[in-house]
């Protein structure tokens, strides 16, 4: 009788250890797959990011602000675009003040 209880306890202990091991493997596989998906998505974002080329930079007369104009090329299936950013020289924060599609030049007066 005592021997059967001991065997039953050992079997339960092995089952519990096996479940813990299986859960650990599942969690590790889940983390590895999800990490791979995040890496792949970030890589795709980098690969298909439109190119930006600075067209011109203009500084305000008091030197507090800069306006940078960029020519945006989205690839062979999209047209050119222009985006202008206002940069406050004190904190280097960029704010988009102009964005237009189907144009390829900017003149800042």
PDB file of N, CA and C in Angstrom:
ATOM      1  N   UNK A   1       0.816  -1.184   0.000  1.00  0.00           N
ATOM      2  CA  UNK A   1       0.000   0.000   0.000  1.00  0.00           C
ATOM      3  C   UNK A   1       0.868   1.260   0.000  1.00  0.00           C
ATOM      4  N   UNK A   2       1.853   1.267   0.873  1.00  0.00           N
ATOM      5  CA  UNK A   2       2.773   2.399   0.946  1.00  0.00           C
ATOM      6  C   UNK A   2       3.545   2.559  -0.367  1.00  0.00           C
ATOM      7  N   UNK A   3       3.897   1.468  -0.981  1.00  0.00           N
ATOM      8  CA  UNK A   3       4.648   1.477  -2.238  1.00  0.00           C
ATOM      9  C   UNK A   3       3.806   2.079  -3.372  1.00  0.00           C
ATOM     10  N   UNK A   4       2.482   1.791  -3.373  1.00  0.00           N
ATOM     11  CA  UNK A   4       1.610   2.335  -4.408  1.00  0.00           C
ATOM     12  C   UNK A   4       1.465   3.846  -4.273  1.00  0.00           C
ATOM     13  N   UNK A   5       1.342   4.343  -3.051  1.00  0.00           N
ATOM     14  CA  UNK A   5       1.265   5.790  -2.829  1.00  0.00           C
ATOM     15  C   UNK A   5       2.548   6.476  -3.290  1.00  0.00           C
ATOM     16  N   UNK A   6       3.664   5.864  -2.991  1.00  0.00           N
ATOM     17  CA  UNK A   6       4.954   6.417  -3.393  1.00  0.00           C
ATOM     18  C   UNK A   6       5.055   6.480  -4.916  1.00  0.00           C
ATOM     19  N   UNK A   7       4.633   5.389  -5.592  1.00  0.00           N
ATOM     20  CA  UNK A   7       4.667   5.367  -7.059  1.00  0.00           C
ATOM     21  C   UNK A   7       3.709   6.406  -7.633  1.00  0.00           C
ATOM     22  N   UNK A   8       2.534   6.547  -7.048  1.00  0.00           N
ATOM     23  CA  UNK A   8       1.561   7.531  -7.507  1.00  0.00           C
ATOM     24  C   UNK A   8       2.124   8.949  -7.365  1.00  0.00           C
ATOM     25  N   UNK A   9       2.769   9.224  -6.233  1.00  0.00           N
ATOM     26  CA  UNK A   9       3.386  10.534  -6.015  1.00  0.00           C
ATOM     27  C   UNK A   9       4.509  10.794  -7.017  1.00  0.00           C
ATOM     28  N   UNK A  10       5.288   9.775  -7.309  1.00  0.00           N
ATOM     29  CA  UNK A  10       6.376   9.915  -8.283  1.00  0.00           C
ATOM     30  C   UNK A  10       5.818  10.189  -9.676  1.00  0.00           C
ATOM     31  N   UNK A  11       4.744   9.475 -10.046  1.00  0.00           N
ATOM     32  CA  UNK A  11       4.122   9.680 -11.362  1.00  0.00           C
ATOM     33  C   UNK A  11       3.571  11.102 -11.463  1.00  0.00           C
ATOM     34  N   UNK A  12       2.919  11.573 -10.414  1.00  0.00           N
ATOM     35  CA  UNK A  12       2.384  12.938 -10.406  1.00  0.00           C
ATOM     36  C   UNK A  12       3.513  13.964 -10.498  1.00  0.00           C
ATOM     37  N   UNK A  13       4.605  13.706  -9.808  1.00  0.00           N
ATOM     38  CA  UNK A  13       5.755  14.604  -9.844  1.00  0.00           C
ATOM     39  C   UNK A  13       6.340  14.667 -11.255  1.00  0.00           C
ATOM     40  N   UNK A  14       6.435  13.530 -11.926  1.00  0.00           N
ATOM     41  CA  UNK A  14       6.953  13.479 -13.293  1.00  0.00           C
ATOM     42  C   UNK A  14       6.004  14.202 -14.246  1.00  0.00           C
ATOM     43  N   UNK A  15       4.702  14.003 -14.070  1.00  0.00           N
ATOM     44  CA  UNK A  15       3.718  14.693 -14.910  1.00  0.00           C
ATOM     45  C   UNK A  15       3.824  16.211 -14.741  1.00  0.00           C
ATOM     46  N   UNK A  16       3.947  16.657 -13.492  1.00  0.00           N
ATOM     47  CA  UNK A  16       4.057  18.093 -13.220  1.00  0.00           C
ATOM     48  C   UNK A  16       5.321  18.668 -13.840  1.00  0.00           C
ATOM     49  N   UNK A  17       6.435  17.947 -13.702  1.00  0.00           N
ATOM     50  CA  UNK A  17       7.698  18.400 -14.286  1.00  0.00           C
ATOM     51  C   UNK A  17       7.597  18.438 -15.805  1.00  0.00           C
ATOM     52  N   UNK A  18       6.942  17.448 -16.400  1.00  0.00           N
ATOM     53  CA  UNK A  18       6.780  17.403 -17.852  1.00  0.00           C
ATOM     54  C   UNK A  18       5.925  18.571 -18.341  1.00  0.00           C
ATOM     55  N   UNK A  19       4.838  18.872 -17.617  1.00  0.00           N
ATOM     56  CA  UNK A  19       3.990  20.009 -17.997  1.00  0.00           C
ATOM     57  C   UNK A  19       4.763  21.316 -17.918  1.00  0.00           C
ATOM     58  N   UNK A  20       5.546  21.465 -16.851  1.00  0.00           N
ATOM     59  CA  UNK A  20       6.344  22.691 -16.700  1.00  0.00           C
ATOM     60  C   UNK A  20       7.354  22.814 -17.837  1.00  0.00           C
ATOM     61  N   UNK A  21       7.993  21.700 -18.185  1.00  0.00           N
ATOM     62  CA  UNK A  21       8.965  21.706 -19.272  1.00  0.00           C
ATOM     63  C   UNK A  21       8.316  22.043 -20.605  1.00  0.00           C
ATOM     64  N   UNK A  22       7.157  21.445 -20.870  1.00  0.00           N
ATOM     65  CA  UNK A  22       6.446  21.721 -22.118  1.00  0.00           C
ATOM     66  C   UNK A  22       6.002  23.178 -22.188  1.00  0.00           C
ATOM     67  N   UNK A  23       5.501  23.709 -21.095  1.00  0.00           N
ATOM     68  CA  UNK A  23       5.091  25.116 -21.063  1.00  0.00           C
ATOM     69  C   UNK A  23       6.277  26.043 -21.289  1.00  0.00           C
ATOM     70  N   UNK A  24       7.413  25.699 -20.710  1.00  0.00           N
ATOM     71  CA  UNK A  24       8.618  26.503 -20.905  1.00  0.00           C
ATOM     72  C   UNK A  24       9.031  26.504 -22.364  1.00  0.00           C
ATOM     73  N   UNK A  25       8.983  25.347 -23.010  1.00  0.00           N
ATOM     74  CA  UNK A  25       9.338  25.255 -24.424  1.00  0.00           C
ATOM     75  C   UNK A  25       8.365  26.066 -25.274  1.00  0.00           C
ATOM     76  N   UNK A  26       7.069  25.974 -24.966  1.00  0.00           N
ATOM     77  CA  UNK A  26       6.064  26.728 -25.716  1.00  0.00           C
ATOM     78  C   UNK A  26       6.290  28.233 -25.559  1.00  0.00           C
ATOM     79  N   UNK A  27       6.568  28.668 -24.349  1.00  0.00           N
ATOM     80  CA  UNK A  27       6.806  30.099 -24.104  1.00  0.00           C
ATOM     81  C   UNK A  27       8.054  30.563 -24.841  1.00  0.00           C
ATOM     82  N   UNK A  28       9.116  29.791 -24.798  1.00  0.00           N
ATOM     83  CA  UNK A  28      10.357  30.165 -25.492  1.00  0.00           C
ATOM     84  C   UNK A  28      10.130  30.224 -26.998  1.00  0.00           C
ATOM     85  N   UNK A  29       9.405  29.249 -27.546  1.00  0.00           N
ATOM     86  CA  UNK A  29       9.110  29.271 -28.979  1.00  0.00           C
ATOM     87  C   UNK A  29       8.246  30.464 -29.351  1.00  0.00           C
ATOM     88  N   UNK A  30       7.257  30.778 -28.524  1.00  0.00           N
ATOM     89  CA  UNK A  30       6.396  31.939 -28.779  1.00  0.00           C
ATOM     90  C   UNK A  30       7.215  33.226 -28.788  1.00  0.00           C
ATOM     91  N   UNK A  31       8.093  33.393 -27.805  1.00  0.00           N
ATOM     92  CA  UNK A  31       8.920  34.594 -27.743  1.00  0.00           C
ATOM     93  C   UNK A  31       9.860  34.682 -28.941  1.00  0.00           C
ATOM     94  N   UNK A  32      10.419  33.555 -29.343  1.00  0.00           N
ATOM     95  CA  UNK A  32      11.333  33.552 -30.495  1.00  0.00           C
ATOM     96  C   UNK A  32      10.588  33.916 -31.778  1.00  0.00           C
ATOM     97  N   UNK A  33       9.411  33.339 -31.972  1.00  0.00           N
ATOM     98  CA  UNK A  33       8.637  33.636 -33.184  1.00  0.00           C
ATOM     99  C   UNK A  33       8.164  35.089 -33.184  1.00  0.00           C
ATOM    100  N   UNK A  34       7.647  35.564 -32.060  1.00  0.00           N
ATOM    101  CA  UNK A  34       7.177  36.947 -32.015  1.00  0.00           C
ATOM    102  C   UNK A  34       8.337  37.926 -32.183  1.00  0.00           C
ATOM    103  N   UNK A  35       9.488  37.629 -31.634  1.00  0.00           N
ATOM    104  CA  UNK A  35      10.662  38.476 -31.845  1.00  0.00           C
ATOM    105  C   UNK A  35      11.080  38.487 -33.299  1.00  0.00           C
ATOM    106  N   UNK A  36      11.007  37.349 -33.956  1.00  0.00           N
ATOM    107  CA  UNK A  36      11.331  37.278 -35.380  1.00  0.00           C
ATOM    108  C   UNK A  36      10.367  38.075 -36.227  1.00  0.00           C
ATOM    109  N   UNK A  37       9.082  38.038 -35.876  1.00  0.00           N
ATOM    110  CA  UNK A  37       8.079  38.802 -36.613  1.00  0.00           C
ATOM    111  C   UNK A  37       8.325  40.295 -36.446  1.00  0.00           C
ATOM    112  N   UNK A  38       8.592  40.739 -35.237  1.00  0.00           N
ATOM    113  CA  UNK A  38       8.867  42.160 -34.987  1.00  0.00           C
ATOM    114  C   UNK A  38      10.109  42.594 -35.760  1.00  0.00           C
ATOM    115  N   UNK A  39      11.151  41.791 -35.754  1.00  0.00           N
ATOM    116  CA  UNK A  39      12.376  42.119 -36.494  1.00  0.00           C
ATOM    117  C   UNK A  39      12.080  42.226 -37.985  1.00  0.00           C
ATOM    118  N   UNK A  40      11.318  41.278 -38.523  1.00  0.00           N
ATOM    119  CA  UNK A  40      11.012  41.282 -39.955  1.00  0.00           C
ATOM    120  C   UNK A  40      10.189  42.512 -40.342  1.00  0.00           C
ATOM    121  N   UNK A  41       9.213  42.875 -39.514  1.00  0.00           N
ATOM    122  CA  UNK A  41       8.395  44.050 -39.815  1.00  0.00           C
ATOM    123  C   UNK A  41       9.215  45.329 -39.763  1.00  0.00           C
ATOM    124  N   UNK A  42      10.103  45.443 -38.789  1.00  0.00           N
ATOM    125  CA  UNK A  42      10.967  46.619 -38.725  1.00  0.00           C
ATOM    126  C   UNK A  42      11.888  46.679 -39.931  1.00  0.00           C
ATOM    127  N   UNK A  43      12.391  45.549 -40.363  1.00  0.00           N
ATOM    128  CA  UNK A  43      13.266  45.499 -41.532  1.00  0.00           C
ATOM    129  C   UNK A  43      12.512  45.907 -42.788  1.00  0.00           C
ATOM    130  N   UNK A  44      11.258  45.442 -42.936  1.00  0.00           N
ATOM    131  CA  UNK A  44      10.454  45.827 -44.095  1.00  0.00           C
ATOM    132  C   UNK A  44      10.175  47.319 -44.105  1.00  0.00           C
ATOM    133  N   UNK A  45       9.903  47.877 -42.929  1.00  0.00           N
ATOM    134  CA  UNK A  45       9.660  49.316 -42.839  1.00  0.00           C
ATOM    135  C   UNK A  45      10.886  50.084 -43.309  1.00  0.00           C
ATOM    136  N   UNK A  46      12.058  49.636 -42.930  1.00  0.00           N
ATOM    137  CA  UNK A  46      13.291  50.292 -43.337  1.00  0.00           C
ATOM    138  C   UNK A  46      13.513  50.140 -44.837  1.00  0.00           C
ATOM    139  N   UNK A  47      13.198  48.956 -45.378  1.00  0.00           N
ATOM    140  CA  UNK A  47      13.443  48.695 -46.799  1.00  0.00           C
ATOM    141  C   UNK A  47      12.543  49.529 -47.695  1.00  0.00           C
ATOM    142  N   UNK A  48      11.312  49.776 -47.277  1.00  0.00           N
ATOM    143  CA  UNK A  48      10.353  50.465 -48.128  1.00  0.00           C
ATOM    144  C   UNK A  48      10.104  51.910 -47.707  1.00  0.00           C
ATOM    145  N   UNK A  49      10.972  52.453 -46.892  1.00  0.00           N
ATOM    146  CA  UNK A  49      10.838  53.843 -46.472  1.00  0.00           C
ATOM    147  C   UNK A  49      11.186  54.757 -47.647  1.00  0.00           C
ATOM    148  N   UNK A  50      10.374  55.783 -47.901  1.00  0.00           N
ATOM    149  CA  UNK A  50      10.681  56.701 -48.997  1.00  0.00           C
ATOM    150  C   UNK A  50      11.994  57.442 -48.740  1.00  0.00           C
ATOM    151  N   UNK A  51      12.693  57.735 -49.822  1.00  0.00           N
ATOM    152  CA  UNK A  51      13.949  58.473 -49.662  1.00  0.00           C
ATOM    153  C   UNK A  51      13.650  59.964 -49.517  1.00  0.00           C
ATOM    154  N   UNK A  52      14.475  60.633 -48.736  1.00  0.00           N
ATOM    155  CA  UNK A  52      14.337  62.068 -48.509  1.00  0.00           C
ATOM    156  C   UNK A  52      15.648  62.745 -48.897  1.00  0.00           C
ATOM    157  N   UNK A  53      15.531  63.781 -49.699  1.00  0.00           N
ATOM    158  CA  UNK A  53      16.711  64.545 -50.113  1.00  0.00           C
ATOM    159  C   UNK A  53      16.453  66.014 -49.804  1.00  0.00           C
ATOM    160  N   UNK A  54      17.379  66.642 -49.108  1.00  0.00           N
ATOM    161  CA  UNK A  54      17.194  68.057 -48.767  1.00  0.00           C
ATOM    162  C   UNK A  54      17.327  68.892 -50.036  1.00  0.00           C
ATOM    163  N   UNK A  55      16.316  69.712 -50.289  1.00  0.00           N
ATOM    164  CA  UNK A  55      16.351  70.622 -51.437  1.00  0.00           C
ATOM    165  C   UNK A  55      17.007  71.936 -51.030  1.00  0.00           C
ATOM    166  N   UNK A  56      16.513  72.506 -49.946  1.00  0.00           N
ATOM    167  CA  UNK A  56      17.044  73.793 -49.494  1.00  0.00           C
ATOM    168  C   UNK A  56      16.788  73.960 -48.000  1.00  0.00           C
ATOM    169  N   UNK A  57      17.596  74.805 -47.397  1.00  0.00           N
ATOM    170  CA  UNK A  57      17.446  75.163 -45.984  1.00  0.00           C
ATOM    171  C   UNK A  57      17.432  76.678 -45.901  1.00  0.00           C
ATOM    172  N   UNK A  58      16.486  77.229 -45.144  1.00  0.00           N
ATOM    173  CA  UNK A  58      16.395  78.673 -44.981  1.00  0.00           C
ATOM    174  C   UNK A  58      16.337  78.998 -43.493  1.00  0.00           C
ATOM    175  N   UNK A  59      17.101  79.996 -43.088  1.00  0.00           N
ATOM    176  CA  UNK A  59      17.137  80.413 -41.685  1.00  0.00           C
ATOM    177  C   UNK A  59      16.413  81.739 -41.530  1.00  0.00           C
ATOM    178  N   UNK A  60      15.671  81.883 -40.421  1.00  0.00           N
ATOM    179  CA  UNK A  60      14.978  83.142 -40.170  1.00  0.00           C
ATOM    180  C   UNK A  60      15.987  84.243 -39.874  1.00  0.00           C
ATOM    181  N   UNK A  61      15.557  85.492 -40.029  1.00  0.00           N
ATOM    182  CA  UNK A  61      16.475  86.621 -39.853  1.00  0.00           C
ATOM    183  C   UNK A  61      17.009  86.732 -38.427  1.00  0.00           C
ATOM    184  N   UNK A  62      16.232  86.292 -37.445  1.00  0.00           N
ATOM    185  CA  UNK A  62      16.706  86.355 -36.066  1.00  0.00           C
ATOM    186  C   UNK A  62      17.453  85.081 -35.650  1.00  0.00           C
ATOM    187  N   UNK A  63      17.498  84.066 -36.512  1.00  0.00           N
ATOM    188  CA  UNK A  63      18.243  82.840 -36.235  1.00  0.00           C
ATOM    189  C   UNK A  63      17.534  81.853 -35.329  1.00  0.00           C
ATOM    190  N   UNK A  64      16.266  82.123 -35.006  1.00  0.00           N
ATOM    191  CA  UNK A  64      15.544  81.225 -34.094  1.00  0.00           C
ATOM    192  C   UNK A  64      14.958  80.011 -34.807  1.00  0.00           C
ATOM    193  N   UNK A  65      14.708  80.129 -36.091  1.00  0.00           N
ATOM    194  CA  UNK A  65      14.024  79.073 -36.826  1.00  0.00           C
ATOM    195  C   UNK A  65      14.766  78.724 -38.113  1.00  0.00           C
ATOM    196  N   UNK A  66      14.655  77.457 -38.492  1.00  0.00           N
ATOM    197  CA  UNK A  66      15.117  76.987 -39.792  1.00  0.00           C
ATOM    198  C   UNK A  66      13.960  76.284 -40.472  1.00  0.00           C
ATOM    199  N   UNK A  67      13.897  76.409 -41.782  1.00  0.00           N
ATOM    200  CA  UNK A  67      12.940  75.645 -42.575  1.00  0.00           C
ATOM    201  C   UNK A  67      13.751  74.776 -43.519  1.00  0.00           C
ATOM    202  N   UNK A  68      13.512  73.470 -43.447  1.00  0.00           N
ATOM    203  CA  UNK A  68      14.188  72.524 -44.331  1.00  0.00           C
ATOM    204  C   UNK A  68      13.161  71.955 -45.290  1.00  0.00           C
ATOM    205  N   UNK A  69      13.465  72.017 -46.594  1.00  0.00           N
ATOM    206  CA  UNK A  69      12.583  71.464 -47.615  1.00  0.00           C
ATOM    207  C   UNK A  69      13.192  70.162 -48.120  1.00  0.00           C
ATOM    208  N   UNK A  70      12.386  69.102 -48.148  1.00  0.00           N
ATOM    209  CA  UNK A  70      12.828  67.785 -48.579  1.00  0.00           C
ATOM    210  C   UNK A  70      12.077  67.352 -49.823  1.00  0.00           C
ATOM    211  N   UNK A  71      12.799  66.729 -50.750  1.00  0.00           N
ATOM    212  CA  UNK A  71      12.177  66.069 -51.889  1.00  0.00           C
ATOM    213  C   UNK A  71      11.995  64.612 -51.502  1.00  0.00           C
ATOM    214  N   UNK A  72      10.753  64.141 -51.543  1.00  0.00           N
ATOM    215  CA  UNK A  72      10.417  62.786 -51.123  1.00  0.00           C
ATOM    216  C   UNK A  72      10.190  61.932 -52.366  1.00  0.00           C
ATOM    217  N   UNK A  73      10.909  60.815 -52.438  1.00  0.00           N
ATOM    218  CA  UNK A  73      10.740  59.865 -53.541  1.00  0.00           C
ATOM    219  C   UNK A  73      10.221  58.563 -52.948  1.00  0.00           C
ATOM    220  N   UNK A  74       8.960  58.241 -53.233  1.00  0.00           N
ATOM    221  CA  UNK A  74       8.345  57.046 -52.685  1.00  0.00           C
ATOM    222  C   UNK A  74       8.594  55.792 -53.480  1.00  0.00           C
ATOM    223  N   UNK A  75       9.299  55.874 -54.584  1.00  0.00           N
ATOM    224  CA  UNK A  75       9.578  54.698 -55.396  1.00  0.00           C
ATOM    225  C   UNK A  75       8.982  54.836 -56.782  1.00  0.00           C
ATOM    226  N   UNK A  76       9.076  53.762 -57.550  1.00  0.00           N
ATOM    227  CA  UNK A  76       8.705  53.845 -58.960  1.00  0.00           C
ATOM    228  C   UNK A  76       7.204  53.936 -59.202  1.00  0.00           C
ATOM    229  N   UNK A  77       6.375  53.631 -58.228  1.00  0.00           N
ATOM    230  CA  UNK A  77       4.932  53.696 -58.459  1.00  0.00           C
ATOM    231  C   UNK A  77       4.296  54.949 -57.875  1.00  0.00           C
ATOM    232  N   UNK A  78       5.091  55.841 -57.316  1.00  0.00           N
ATOM    233  CA  UNK A  78       4.546  57.070 -56.738  1.00  0.00           C
ATOM    234  C   UNK A  78       5.256  58.273 -57.333  1.00  0.00           C
ATOM    235  N   UNK A  79       4.597  59.406 -57.243  1.00  0.00           N
ATOM    236  CA  UNK A  79       5.168  60.639 -57.759  1.00  0.00           C
ATOM    237  C   UNK A  79       5.998  61.325 -56.673  1.00  0.00           C
ATOM    238  N   UNK A  80       6.719  62.346 -57.065  1.00  0.00           N
ATOM    239  CA  UNK A  80       7.525  63.127 -56.124  1.00  0.00           C
ATOM    240  C   UNK A  80       6.613  63.900 -55.179  1.00  0.00           C
ATOM    241  N   UNK A  81       7.149  64.250 -54.040  1.00  0.00           N
ATOM    242  CA  UNK A  81       6.435  65.084 -53.082  1.00  0.00           C
ATOM    243  C   UNK A  81       7.459  66.002 -52.411  1.00  0.00           C
ATOM    244  N   UNK A  82       6.972  67.081 -51.847  1.00  0.00           N
ATOM    245  CA  UNK A  82       7.833  68.010 -51.107  1.00  0.00           C
ATOM    246  C   UNK A  82       7.264  68.159 -49.706  1.00  0.00           C
ATOM    247  N   UNK A  83       8.148  68.115 -48.723  1.00  0.00           N
ATOM    248  CA  UNK A  83       7.761  68.325 -47.333  1.00  0.00           C
ATOM    249  C   UNK A  83       8.698  69.369 -46.742  1.00  0.00           C
ATOM    250  N   UNK A  84       8.129  70.319 -46.002  1.00  0.00           N
ATOM    251  CA  UNK A  84       8.928  71.346 -45.331  1.00  0.00           C
ATOM    252  C   UNK A  84       8.746  71.209 -43.824  1.00  0.00           C
ATOM    253  N   UNK A  85       9.872  71.219 -43.121  1.00  0.00           N
ATOM    254  CA  UNK A  85       9.875  71.121 -41.667  1.00  0.00           C
ATOM    255  C   UNK A  85      10.347  72.428 -41.065  1.00  0.00           C
ATOM    256  N   UNK A  86       9.644  72.877 -40.018  1.00  0.00           N
ATOM    257  CA  UNK A  86      10.069  74.031 -39.243  1.00  0.00           C
ATOM    258  C   UNK A  86      10.844  73.506 -38.048  1.00  0.00           C
ATOM    259  N   UNK A  87      12.069  74.000 -37.876  1.00  0.00           N
ATOM    260  CA  UNK A  87      12.918  73.555 -36.783  1.00  0.00           C
ATOM    261  C   UNK A  87      13.205  74.752 -35.887  1.00  0.00           C
ATOM    262  N   UNK A  88      12.820  74.618 -34.616  1.00  0.00           N
ATOM    263  CA  UNK A  88      13.133  75.648 -33.629  1.00  0.00           C
ATOM    264  C   UNK A  88      14.538  75.352 -33.123  1.00  0.00           C
ATOM    265  N   UNK A  89      15.448  76.293 -33.288  1.00  0.00           N
ATOM    266  CA  UNK A  89      16.854  76.039 -32.983  1.00  0.00           C
ATOM    267  C   UNK A  89      17.130  75.757 -31.521  1.00  0.00           C
ATOM    268  N   UNK A  90      16.284  76.226 -30.624  1.00  0.00           N
ATOM    269  CA  UNK A  90      16.508  75.984 -29.206  1.00  0.00           C
ATOM    270  C   UNK A  90      16.336  74.532 -28.801  1.00  0.00           C
ATOM    271  N   UNK A  91      15.340  73.843 -29.375  1.00  0.00           N
ATOM    272  CA  UNK A  91      15.086  72.473 -28.934  1.00  0.00           C
ATOM    273  C   UNK A  91      15.186  71.435 -30.060  1.00  0.00           C
ATOM    274  N   UNK A  92      15.505  71.831 -31.267  1.00  0.00           N
ATOM    275  CA  UNK A  92      15.690  70.927 -32.411  1.00  0.00           C
ATOM    276  C   UNK A  92      14.450  70.098 -32.731  1.00  0.00           C
ATOM    277  N   UNK A  93      13.278  70.576 -32.304  1.00  0.00           N
ATOM    278  CA  UNK A  93      12.023  69.882 -32.576  1.00  0.00           C
ATOM    279  C   UNK A  93      11.570  70.213 -33.996  1.00  0.00           C
ATOM    280  N   UNK A  94      11.234  69.156 -34.775  1.00  0.00           N
ATOM    281  CA  UNK A  94      10.763  69.353 -36.143  1.00  0.00           C
ATOM    282  C   UNK A  94       9.244  69.338 -36.170  1.00  0.00           C
ATOM    283  N   UNK A  95       8.685  70.253 -36.954  1.00  0.00           N
ATOM    284  CA  UNK A  95       7.241  70.309 -37.134  1.00  0.00           C
ATOM    285  C   UNK A  95       6.975  70.458 -38.627  1.00  0.00           C
ATOM    286  N   UNK A  96       6.144  69.593 -39.175  1.00  0.00           N
ATOM    287  CA  UNK A  96       5.820  69.667 -40.603  1.00  0.00           C
ATOM    288  C   UNK A  96       4.894  70.858 -40.818  1.00  0.00           C
ATOM    289  N   UNK A  97       5.339  71.793 -41.673  1.00  0.00           N
ATOM    290  CA  UNK A  97       4.518  72.976 -41.940  1.00  0.00           C
ATOM    291  C   UNK A  97       3.981  72.980 -43.366  1.00  0.00           C
ATOM    292  N   UNK A  98       4.510  72.105 -44.223  1.00  0.00           N
ATOM    293  CA  UNK A  98       4.044  72.048 -45.605  1.00  0.00           C
ATOM    294  C   UNK A  98       4.302  70.664 -46.156  1.00  0.00           C
ATOM    295  N   UNK A  99       3.337  70.135 -46.878  1.00  0.00           N
ATOM    296  CA  UNK A  99       3.499  68.851 -47.537  1.00  0.00           C
ATOM    297  C   UNK A  99       2.605  68.850 -48.766  1.00  0.00           C
ATOM    298  N   UNK A 100       3.184  68.533 -49.923  1.00  0.00           N
ATOM    299  CA  UNK A 100       2.400  68.516 -51.149  1.00  0.00           C
ATOM    300  C   UNK A 100       2.897  67.394 -52.045  1.00  0.00           C
ATOM    301  N   UNK A 101       1.986  66.881 -52.860  1.00  0.00           N
ATOM    302  CA  UNK A 101       2.241  65.735 -53.721  1.00  0.00           C
ATOM    303  C   UNK A 101       2.221  66.201 -55.175  1.00  0.00           C
ATOM    304  N   UNK A 102       2.887  65.514 -56.035  1.00  0.00           N
ATOM    305  CA  UNK A 102       2.987  65.820 -57.465  1.00  0.00           C
ATOM    306  C   UNK A 102       3.795  67.085 -57.745  1.00  0.00           C
ATOM    307  N   UNK A 103       4.715  67.417 -56.884  1.00  0.00           N
ATOM    308  CA  UNK A 103       5.637  68.529 -57.162  1.00  0.00           C
ATOM    309  C   UNK A 103       7.050  68.054 -56.866  1.00  0.00           C
ATOM    310  N   UNK A 104       8.029  68.719 -57.486  1.00  0.00           N
ATOM    311  CA  UNK A 104       9.415  68.266 -57.300  1.00  0.00           C
ATOM    312  C   UNK A 104      10.382  69.393 -56.972  1.00  0.00           C
ATOM    313  N   UNK A 105       9.864  70.557 -56.572  1.00  0.00           N
ATOM    314  CA  UNK A 105      10.759  71.660 -56.175  1.00  0.00           C
ATOM    315  C   UNK A 105      10.073  72.542 -55.137  1.00  0.00           C
ATOM    316  N   UNK A 106      10.905  73.246 -54.380  1.00  0.00           N
ATOM    317  CA  UNK A 106      10.385  74.163 -53.366  1.00  0.00           C
ATOM    318  C   UNK A 106      11.212  75.440 -53.400  1.00  0.00           C
ATOM    319  N   UNK A 107      10.530  76.554 -53.346  1.00  0.00           N
ATOM    320  CA  UNK A 107      11.199  77.863 -53.286  1.00  0.00           C
ATOM    321  C   UNK A 107      10.769  78.508 -51.991  1.00  0.00           C
ATOM    322  N   UNK A 108      11.759  78.817 -51.157  1.00  0.00           N
ATOM    323  CA  UNK A 108      11.464  79.452 -49.872  1.00  0.00           C
ATOM    324  C   UNK A 108      11.905  80.895 -49.970  1.00  0.00           C
ATOM    325  N   UNK A 109      10.967  81.811 -49.784  1.00  0.00           N
ATOM    326  CA  UNK A 109      11.274  83.227 -49.917  1.00  0.00           C
ATOM    327  C   UNK A 109      11.503  83.869 -48.578  1.00  0.00           C
TER     328      UNK A 109
END
